Amino acid sequence: MGIDELHGSSWDIKRAFDSVPKAVLVMSWDQLGVPSNVANYTVDHDRNFLTIPLPPHAQHIRQSMGLSAFNTRNSTSNTAQGFFGVTGTSQGDTSSPSNWTATYGQSYPFLVRTDIKTDDSQDMSFADDVISLVPEKKAYTTKQK
């Protein structure tokens, strides 16, 4: 039996990684029972360290000039701009998935309704991106309420 219709929705938590204050990240780890020294170490992983986005220009600078060519000033033909993380965790950083899960993972089950009895519906997610797919429009409108 085939599916005649497929309805979907996708959503993204805007600035999910870099908008959460570091104090909230630490509190999230604390609520999970992580010792405060470990929580602070995990959250501060990128504090006082230059975060370097790597678009093609920055990759070229890294290969040709080395890390000393990165700073917080605007990029030039011989330098590339980085930044110091003030809030949140850098997306793509080693600790970012763990920090995201500690902060949002506790509330995530409440964001996705599980009381819908449509066997063919499915929510797929990766960190802050969620896609909902259902075979019938009726099931989709029920799921979104």
Protein backbone atom coordinates (compact mmCIF):
# COMPACT_ATOMS: atom_id res chain seq x y z
CA MET A 1 0.00 0.00 0.00
CA GLY A 2 1.52 3.31 -1.07
CA ILE A 3 1.21 6.76 0.39
CA ASP A 4 -0.73 9.21 -1.77
CA GLU A 5 0.18 12.23 0.35
CA LEU A 6 3.17 13.22 2.45
CA HIS A 7 3.06 16.36 4.59
CA GLY A 8 6.06 17.77 6.37
CA SER A 9 7.33 20.58 8.47
CA SER A 10 10.81 21.55 9.54
CA TRP A 11 11.92 23.90 12.25
CA ASP A 12 15.14 25.16 13.64
CA ILE A 13 15.88 26.73 17.01
CA LYS A 14 17.38 30.08 16.02
CA ARG A 15 20.93 30.52 17.31
CA ALA A 16 20.47 27.47 19.53
CA PHE A 17 24.17 26.99 20.11
CA ASP A 18 25.50 30.50 20.56
CA SER A 19 22.60 32.36 22.19
CA VAL A 20 22.38 30.55 25.53
CA PRO A 21 24.23 32.35 28.36
CA LYS A 22 27.15 30.37 29.73
CA ALA A 23 25.58 30.54 33.22
CA VAL A 24 22.54 28.66 31.86
CA LEU A 25 24.82 26.06 30.31
CA VAL A 26 26.57 25.53 33.66
CA MET A 27 23.19 25.33 35.44
CA SER A 28 22.02 22.70 32.93
CA TRP A 29 25.05 20.53 33.68
CA ASP A 30 24.46 21.08 37.40
CA GLN A 31 20.86 19.87 37.08
CA LEU A 32 22.18 16.68 35.48
CA GLY A 33 24.40 16.10 38.52
CA VAL A 34 27.72 16.98 36.88
CA PRO A 35 30.27 18.37 39.39
CA SER A 36 30.61 22.15 39.02
CA ASN A 37 34.33 22.04 38.17
CA VAL A 38 33.60 19.65 35.27
CA ALA A 39 30.56 21.71 34.17
CA ASN A 40 32.59 24.93 34.16
CA TYR A 41 35.45 23.27 32.28
CA THR A 42 33.05 21.94 29.62
CA VAL A 43 31.25 25.27 29.19
CA ASP A 44 34.43 27.36 29.26
CA HIS A 45 36.05 25.18 26.62
CA ASP A 46 35.91 28.06 24.14
CA ARG A 47 36.13 31.04 26.55
CA ASN A 48 39.34 33.06 26.12
CA PHE A 49 40.10 31.09 22.99
CA LEU A 50 39.78 32.53 19.51
CA THR A 51 37.04 30.79 17.55
CA ILE A 52 37.86 30.66 13.86
CA PRO A 53 35.13 30.05 11.27
CA LEU A 54 36.72 28.33 8.27
CA PRO A 55 35.18 29.55 5.01
CA PRO A 56 37.46 29.12 1.96
CA HIS A 57 39.39 32.38 2.61
CA ALA A 58 40.19 31.38 6.20
CA GLN A 59 41.21 27.88 5.10
CA HIS A 60 43.61 29.44 2.58
CA ILE A 61 45.03 31.76 5.27
CA ARG A 62 45.46 28.84 7.68
CA GLN A 63 47.34 26.80 5.07
CA SER A 64 49.48 29.62 3.71
CA MET A 65 50.06 31.89 6.74
CA GLY A 66 49.38 29.69 9.76
CA LEU A 67 47.35 30.35 12.89
CA SER A 68 49.22 33.56 13.72
CA ALA A 69 47.34 35.24 10.83
CA PHE A 70 44.02 34.98 12.72
CA ASN A 71 42.82 37.83 14.94
CA THR A 72 39.62 39.70 15.87
CA ARG A 73 40.08 42.46 13.28
CA ASN A 74 38.37 42.40 9.89
CA SER A 75 39.83 39.92 7.42
CA THR A 76 42.35 41.13 4.85
CA SER A 77 44.15 39.36 2.04
CA ASN A 78 46.73 38.15 4.61
CA THR A 79 44.57 37.66 7.72
CA ALA A 80 41.25 36.13 8.75
CA GLN A 81 38.85 37.21 11.47
CA GLY A 82 37.92 35.11 14.48
CA PHE A 83 35.99 35.92 17.65
CA PHE A 84 35.92 35.13 21.35
CA GLY A 85 32.84 33.23 22.51
CA VAL A 86 30.87 35.32 25.00
CA THR A 87 27.63 33.34 25.16
CA GLY A 88 26.73 29.77 24.32
CA THR A 89 29.01 27.27 22.72
CA SER A 90 30.49 27.43 19.26
CA GLN A 91 28.56 25.32 16.78
CA GLY A 92 30.98 22.74 15.46
CA ASP A 93 33.17 22.93 18.56
CA THR A 94 34.05 19.61 20.22
CA SER A 95 31.92 20.36 23.27
CA SER A 96 28.93 21.90 21.46
CA PRO A 97 26.79 18.73 21.05
CA SER A 98 27.20 17.90 24.73
CA ASN A 99 26.42 21.47 25.80
CA TRP A 100 23.37 21.56 23.52
CA THR A 101 22.07 18.26 24.87
CA ALA A 102 22.60 19.34 28.48
CA THR A 103 20.65 22.55 27.87
CA TYR A 104 17.89 21.61 25.44
CA GLY A 105 17.81 17.84 25.84
CA GLN A 106 15.99 18.02 29.16
CA SER A 107 13.10 19.96 27.64
CA TYR A 108 13.13 18.40 24.17
CA PRO A 109 10.58 15.66 25.00
CA PHE A 110 8.12 18.41 25.92
CA LEU A 111 8.63 20.16 22.57
CA VAL A 112 7.60 17.11 20.53
CA ARG A 113 4.14 15.69 21.21
CA THR A 114 4.13 11.95 21.72
CA ASP A 115 0.41 11.41 22.30
CA ILE A 116 -0.44 11.28 18.59
CA LYS A 117 -1.52 7.77 17.59
CA THR A 118 -0.55 7.97 13.92
CA ASP A 119 1.72 4.98 13.36
CA ASP A 120 3.22 6.42 10.19
CA SER A 121 4.25 9.79 11.65
CA GLN A 122 7.88 10.41 12.39
CA ASP A 123 9.90 13.24 13.91
CA MET A 124 13.56 13.23 13.01
CA SER A 125 16.03 15.54 14.67
CA PHE A 126 19.66 16.43 14.85
CA ALA A 127 20.42 18.88 17.63
CA ASP A 128 18.37 22.00 16.89
CA ASP A 129 16.88 20.87 13.55
CA VAL A 130 13.60 18.91 13.57
CA ILE A 131 11.62 17.53 10.63
CA SER A 132 8.10 16.14 11.07
CA LEU A 133 6.61 13.92 8.36
CA VAL A 134 3.08 12.48 8.27
CA PRO A 135 1.14 10.64 5.54
CA GLU A 136 -2.13 12.55 6.03
CA LYS A 137 -2.88 16.23 6.39
CA LYS A 138 -5.26 15.47 9.30
CA ALA A 139 -2.46 13.81 11.29
CA TYR A 140 -0.14 16.76 10.63
CA THR A 141 -2.61 19.38 11.87
CA THR A 142 -3.30 17.27 14.97
CA LYS A 143 0.43 16.86 15.63
CA GLN A 144 1.12 20.61 15.43
CA LYS A 145 -1.53 21.63 17.99
